[in-house]
């Protein structure tokens, strides 16, 4: 009996898991960058109006 099916399956699972985790991380990074940009935009608007809270120049 050959071990080739088990070896191929284990490599397939390892690659699949790595892809799953990588895609999840990329999607979270994209979402969080958009949230950060929105937060910085609102902070920048607050500074322009002079409503910065506790910040020193």
PDB file of N, CA and C in Angstrom:
ATOM      1  N   UNK A   1       0.845  -1.179   0.000  1.00  0.00           N
ATOM      2  CA  UNK A   1       0.000   0.000   0.000  1.00  0.00           C
ATOM      3  C   UNK A   1       0.896   1.249   0.000  1.00  0.00           C
ATOM      4  N   UNK A   2       0.532   2.194  -0.827  1.00  0.00           N
ATOM      5  CA  UNK A   2       1.309   3.419  -0.940  1.00  0.00           C
ATOM      6  C   UNK A   2       0.765   4.491   0.003  1.00  0.00           C
ATOM      7  N   UNK A   3       1.626   5.341   0.436  1.00  0.00           N
ATOM      8  CA  UNK A   3       1.237   6.414   1.356  1.00  0.00           C
ATOM      9  C   UNK A   3       0.922   7.714   0.623  1.00  0.00           C
ATOM     10  N   UNK A   4       0.979   7.685  -0.676  1.00  0.00           N
ATOM     11  CA  UNK A   4       0.797   8.895  -1.474  1.00  0.00           C
ATOM     12  C   UNK A   4      -0.535   9.609  -1.209  1.00  0.00           C
ATOM     13  N   UNK A   5      -1.677   8.917  -1.106  1.00  0.00           N
ATOM     14  CA  UNK A   5      -2.932   9.642  -0.835  1.00  0.00           C
ATOM     15  C   UNK A   5      -2.902  10.410   0.489  1.00  0.00           C
ATOM     16  N   UNK A   6      -2.303   9.834   1.512  1.00  0.00           N
ATOM     17  CA  UNK A   6      -2.229  10.509   2.802  1.00  0.00           C
ATOM     18  C   UNK A   6      -1.300  11.728   2.744  1.00  0.00           C
ATOM     19  N   UNK A   7      -0.222  11.585   2.027  1.00  0.00           N
ATOM     20  CA  UNK A   7       0.719  12.694   1.889  1.00  0.00           C
ATOM     21  C   UNK A   7       0.076  13.842   1.122  1.00  0.00           C
ATOM     22  N   UNK A   8      -0.600  13.523   0.026  1.00  0.00           N
ATOM     23  CA  UNK A   8      -1.269  14.554  -0.777  1.00  0.00           C
ATOM     24  C   UNK A   8      -2.373  15.219   0.028  1.00  0.00           C
ATOM     25  N   UNK A   9      -3.121  14.434   0.788  1.00  0.00           N
ATOM     26  CA  UNK A   9      -4.192  14.991   1.612  1.00  0.00           C
ATOM     27  C   UNK A   9      -3.639  15.921   2.684  1.00  0.00           C
ATOM     28  N   UNK A  10      -2.563  15.520   3.330  1.00  0.00           N
ATOM     29  CA  UNK A  10      -2.012  16.364   4.389  1.00  0.00           C
ATOM     30  C   UNK A  10      -1.450  17.667   3.831  1.00  0.00           C
ATOM     31  N   UNK A  11      -0.778  17.595   2.683  1.00  0.00           N
ATOM     32  CA  UNK A  11      -0.293  18.824   2.062  1.00  0.00           C
ATOM     33  C   UNK A  11      -1.464  19.699   1.611  1.00  0.00           C
ATOM     34  N   UNK A  12      -2.494  19.086   1.082  1.00  0.00           N
ATOM     35  CA  UNK A  12      -3.678  19.840   0.654  1.00  0.00           C
ATOM     36  C   UNK A  12      -4.345  20.551   1.818  1.00  0.00           C
ATOM     37  N   UNK A  13      -4.470  19.843   2.946  1.00  0.00           N
ATOM     38  CA  UNK A  13      -5.056  20.469   4.128  1.00  0.00           C
ATOM     39  C   UNK A  13      -4.185  21.610   4.651  1.00  0.00           C
ATOM     40  N   UNK A  14      -2.888  21.419   4.661  1.00  0.00           N
ATOM     41  CA  UNK A  14      -1.978  22.467   5.143  1.00  0.00           C
ATOM     42  C   UNK A  14      -2.063  23.704   4.252  1.00  0.00           C
ATOM     43  N   UNK A  15      -2.056  23.498   2.953  1.00  0.00           N
ATOM     44  CA  UNK A  15      -2.161  24.628   2.023  1.00  0.00           C
ATOM     45  C   UNK A  15      -3.525  25.292   2.134  1.00  0.00           C
ATOM     46  N   UNK A  16      -4.576  24.483   2.248  1.00  0.00           N
ATOM     47  CA  UNK A  16      -5.922  25.042   2.389  1.00  0.00           C
ATOM     48  C   UNK A  16      -6.069  25.873   3.652  1.00  0.00           C
ATOM     49  N   UNK A  17      -5.529  25.377   4.754  1.00  0.00           N
ATOM     50  CA  UNK A  17      -5.603  26.124   6.007  1.00  0.00           C
ATOM     51  C   UNK A  17      -4.804  27.421   5.920  1.00  0.00           C
ATOM     52  N   UNK A  18      -3.628  27.357   5.314  1.00  0.00           N
ATOM     53  CA  UNK A  18      -2.815  28.566   5.155  1.00  0.00           C
ATOM     54  C   UNK A  18      -3.543  29.598   4.301  1.00  0.00           C
ATOM     55  N   UNK A  19      -4.193  29.158   3.229  1.00  0.00           N
ATOM     56  CA  UNK A  19      -4.960  30.085   2.387  1.00  0.00           C
ATOM     57  C   UNK A  19      -6.131  30.678   3.152  1.00  0.00           C
ATOM     58  N   UNK A  20      -6.835  29.838   3.895  1.00  0.00           N
ATOM     59  CA  UNK A  20      -7.983  30.302   4.672  1.00  0.00           C
ATOM     60  C   UNK A  20      -7.570  31.383   5.667  1.00  0.00           C
ATOM     61  N   UNK A  21      -6.497  31.137   6.399  1.00  0.00           N
ATOM     62  CA  UNK A  21      -6.029  32.117   7.386  1.00  0.00           C
ATOM     63  C   UNK A  21      -5.494  33.380   6.718  1.00  0.00           C
ATOM     64  N   UNK A  22      -4.810  33.233   5.603  1.00  0.00           N
ATOM     65  CA  UNK A  22      -4.261  34.397   4.896  1.00  0.00           C
ATOM     66  C   UNK A  22      -5.362  35.279   4.329  1.00  0.00           C
ATOM     67  N   UNK A  23      -6.362  34.664   3.735  1.00  0.00           N
ATOM     68  CA  UNK A  23      -7.472  35.439   3.175  1.00  0.00           C
ATOM     69  C   UNK A  23      -8.229  36.145   4.288  1.00  0.00           C
ATOM     70  N   UNK A  24      -8.437  35.460   5.408  1.00  0.00           N
ATOM     71  CA  UNK A  24      -9.105  36.088   6.550  1.00  0.00           C
ATOM     72  C   UNK A  24      -8.326  37.282   7.071  1.00  0.00           C
ATOM     73  N   UNK A  25      -7.023  37.141   7.171  1.00  0.00           N
ATOM     74  CA  UNK A  25      -6.187  38.247   7.650  1.00  0.00           C
ATOM     75  C   UNK A  25      -6.213  39.421   6.675  1.00  0.00           C
ATOM     76  N   UNK A  26      -6.186  39.125   5.381  1.00  0.00           N
ATOM     77  CA  UNK A  26      -6.225  40.193   4.376  1.00  0.00           C
ATOM     78  C   UNK A  26      -7.556  40.937   4.426  1.00  0.00           C
ATOM     79  N   UNK A  27      -8.644  40.209   4.608  1.00  0.00           N
ATOM     80  CA  UNK A  27      -9.954  40.861   4.691  1.00  0.00           C
ATOM     81  C   UNK A  27     -10.078  41.710   5.955  1.00  0.00           C
ATOM     82  N   UNK A  28      -9.568  41.201   7.078  1.00  0.00           N
ATOM     83  CA  UNK A  28      -9.598  41.994   8.314  1.00  0.00           C
ATOM     84  C   UNK A  28      -8.745  43.244   8.184  1.00  0.00           C
ATOM     85  N   UNK A  29      -7.578  43.116   7.560  1.00  0.00           N
ATOM     86  CA  UNK A  29      -6.700  44.268   7.367  1.00  0.00           C
ATOM     87  C   UNK A  29      -7.381  45.324   6.510  1.00  0.00           C
ATOM     88  N   UNK A  30      -8.031  44.893   5.444  1.00  0.00           N
ATOM     89  CA  UNK A  30      -8.735  45.826   4.556  1.00  0.00           C
ATOM     90  C   UNK A  30      -9.860  46.550   5.301  1.00  0.00           C
ATOM     91  N   UNK A  31     -10.626  45.785   6.087  1.00  0.00           N
ATOM     92  CA  UNK A  31     -11.719  46.380   6.861  1.00  0.00           C
ATOM     93  C   UNK A  31     -11.184  47.365   7.887  1.00  0.00           C
ATOM     94  N   UNK A  32     -10.131  46.980   8.585  1.00  0.00           N
ATOM     95  CA  UNK A  32      -9.593  47.843   9.633  1.00  0.00           C
ATOM     96  C   UNK A  32      -8.918  49.089   9.077  1.00  0.00           C
ATOM     97  N   UNK A  33      -8.320  48.986   7.905  1.00  0.00           N
ATOM     98  CA  UNK A  33      -7.746  50.184   7.276  1.00  0.00           C
ATOM     99  C   UNK A  33      -8.848  51.171   6.912  1.00  0.00           C
ATOM    100  N   UNK A  34      -9.976  50.665   6.435  1.00  0.00           N
ATOM    101  CA  UNK A  34     -11.098  51.545   6.106  1.00  0.00           C
ATOM    102  C   UNK A  34     -11.651  52.199   7.375  1.00  0.00           C
ATOM    103  N   UNK A  35     -11.735  51.428   8.452  1.00  0.00           N
ATOM    104  CA  UNK A  35     -12.225  51.995   9.716  1.00  0.00           C
ATOM    105  C   UNK A  35     -11.257  53.048  10.245  1.00  0.00           C
ATOM    106  N   UNK A  36      -9.952  52.787  10.120  1.00  0.00           N
ATOM    107  CA  UNK A  36      -8.951  53.755  10.567  1.00  0.00           C
ATOM    108  C   UNK A  36      -9.019  55.035   9.746  1.00  0.00           C
ATOM    109  N   UNK A  37      -9.201  54.893   8.429  1.00  0.00           N
ATOM    110  CA  UNK A  37      -9.304  56.073   7.576  1.00  0.00           C
ATOM    111  C   UNK A  37     -10.523  56.909   7.957  1.00  0.00           C
ATOM    112  N   UNK A  38     -11.642  56.246   8.259  1.00  0.00           N
ATOM    113  CA  UNK A  38     -12.846  56.971   8.671  1.00  0.00           C
ATOM    114  C   UNK A  38     -12.621  57.656  10.013  1.00  0.00           C
ATOM    115  N   UNK A  39     -11.944  56.985  10.922  1.00  0.00           N
ATOM    116  CA  UNK A  39     -11.662  57.576  12.230  1.00  0.00           C
ATOM    117  C   UNK A  39     -10.720  58.774  12.101  1.00  0.00           C
ATOM    118  N   UNK A  40      -9.704  58.633  11.284  1.00  0.00           N
ATOM    119  CA  UNK A  40      -8.783  59.749  11.085  1.00  0.00           C
ATOM    120  C   UNK A  40      -9.461  60.917  10.384  1.00  0.00           C
ATOM    121  N   UNK A  41     -10.393  60.619   9.496  1.00  0.00           N
ATOM    122  CA  UNK A  41     -11.116  61.695   8.812  1.00  0.00           C
ATOM    123  C   UNK A  41     -11.970  62.478   9.803  1.00  0.00           C
ATOM    124  N   UNK A  42     -12.614  61.781  10.737  1.00  0.00           N
ATOM    125  CA  UNK A  42     -13.433  62.487  11.724  1.00  0.00           C
ATOM    126  C   UNK A  42     -12.554  63.241  12.715  1.00  0.00           C
ATOM    127  N   UNK A  43     -11.404  62.668  13.062  1.00  0.00           N
ATOM    128  CA  UNK A  43     -10.480  63.386  13.949  1.00  0.00           C
ATOM    129  C   UNK A  43      -9.919  64.614  13.271  1.00  0.00           C
ATOM    130  N   UNK A  44      -9.602  64.501  11.994  1.00  0.00           N
ATOM    131  CA  UNK A  44      -9.077  65.641  11.253  1.00  0.00           C
ATOM    132  C   UNK A  44     -10.110  66.745  11.144  1.00  0.00           C
ATOM    133  N   UNK A  45     -11.374  66.370  10.979  1.00  0.00           N
ATOM    134  CA  UNK A  45     -12.435  67.371  10.909  1.00  0.00           C
ATOM    135  C   UNK A  45     -12.601  68.052  12.261  1.00  0.00           C
ATOM    136  N   UNK A  46     -12.443  67.302  13.338  1.00  0.00           N
ATOM    137  CA  UNK A  46     -12.547  67.878  14.682  1.00  0.00           C
ATOM    138  C   UNK A  46     -11.419  68.849  14.958  1.00  0.00           C
ATOM    139  N   UNK A  47     -10.230  68.524  14.495  1.00  0.00           N
ATOM    140  CA  UNK A  47      -9.089  69.427  14.690  1.00  0.00           C
ATOM    141  C   UNK A  47      -9.262  70.712  13.905  1.00  0.00           C
ATOM    142  N   UNK A  48      -9.824  70.610  12.722  1.00  0.00           N
ATOM    143  CA  UNK A  48     -10.024  71.792  11.895  1.00  0.00           C
ATOM    144  C   UNK A  48     -11.002  72.748  12.570  1.00  0.00           C
ATOM    145  N   UNK A  49     -11.952  72.203  13.327  1.00  0.00           N
ATOM    146  CA  UNK A  49     -12.916  73.039  14.043  1.00  0.00           C
ATOM    147  C   UNK A  49     -12.404  73.474  15.392  1.00  0.00           C
ATOM    148  N   UNK A  50     -11.250  72.944  15.799  1.00  0.00           N
ATOM    149  CA  UNK A  50     -10.696  73.328  17.090  1.00  0.00           C
ATOM    150  C   UNK A  50     -11.317  72.582  18.247  1.00  0.00           C
ATOM    151  N   UNK A  51     -11.820  71.382  18.012  1.00  0.00           N
ATOM    152  CA  UNK A  51     -12.448  70.626  19.090  1.00  0.00           C
ATOM    153  C   UNK A  51     -11.595  69.433  19.488  1.00  0.00           C
ATOM    154  N   UNK A  52     -10.308  69.527  19.286  1.00  0.00           N
ATOM    155  CA  UNK A  52      -9.429  68.439  19.722  1.00  0.00           C
ATOM    156  C   UNK A  52      -9.468  68.327  21.238  1.00  0.00           C
ATOM    157  N   UNK A  53      -9.651  67.137  21.746  1.00  0.00           N
ATOM    158  CA  UNK A  53      -9.838  66.963  23.169  1.00  0.00           C
ATOM    159  C   UNK A  53      -8.536  66.561  23.831  1.00  0.00           C
ATOM    160  N   UNK A  54      -7.986  67.429  24.629  1.00  0.00           N
ATOM    161  CA  UNK A  54      -6.795  67.134  25.399  1.00  0.00           C
ATOM    162  C   UNK A  54      -5.528  66.994  24.588  1.00  0.00           C
ATOM    163  N   UNK A  55      -5.495  67.473  23.403  1.00  0.00           N
ATOM    164  CA  UNK A  55      -4.315  67.349  22.572  1.00  0.00           C
ATOM    165  C   UNK A  55      -3.545  68.678  22.597  1.00  0.00           C
ATOM    166  N   UNK A  56      -2.244  68.559  22.598  1.00  0.00           N
ATOM    167  CA  UNK A  56      -1.416  69.752  22.540  1.00  0.00           C
ATOM    168  C   UNK A  56      -0.705  69.802  21.205  1.00  0.00           C
ATOM    169  N   UNK A  57      -0.479  70.987  20.732  1.00  0.00           N
ATOM    170  CA  UNK A  57       0.163  71.142  19.414  1.00  0.00           C
ATOM    171  C   UNK A  57       1.645  71.052  19.516  1.00  0.00           C
TER     172      UNK A  57
END
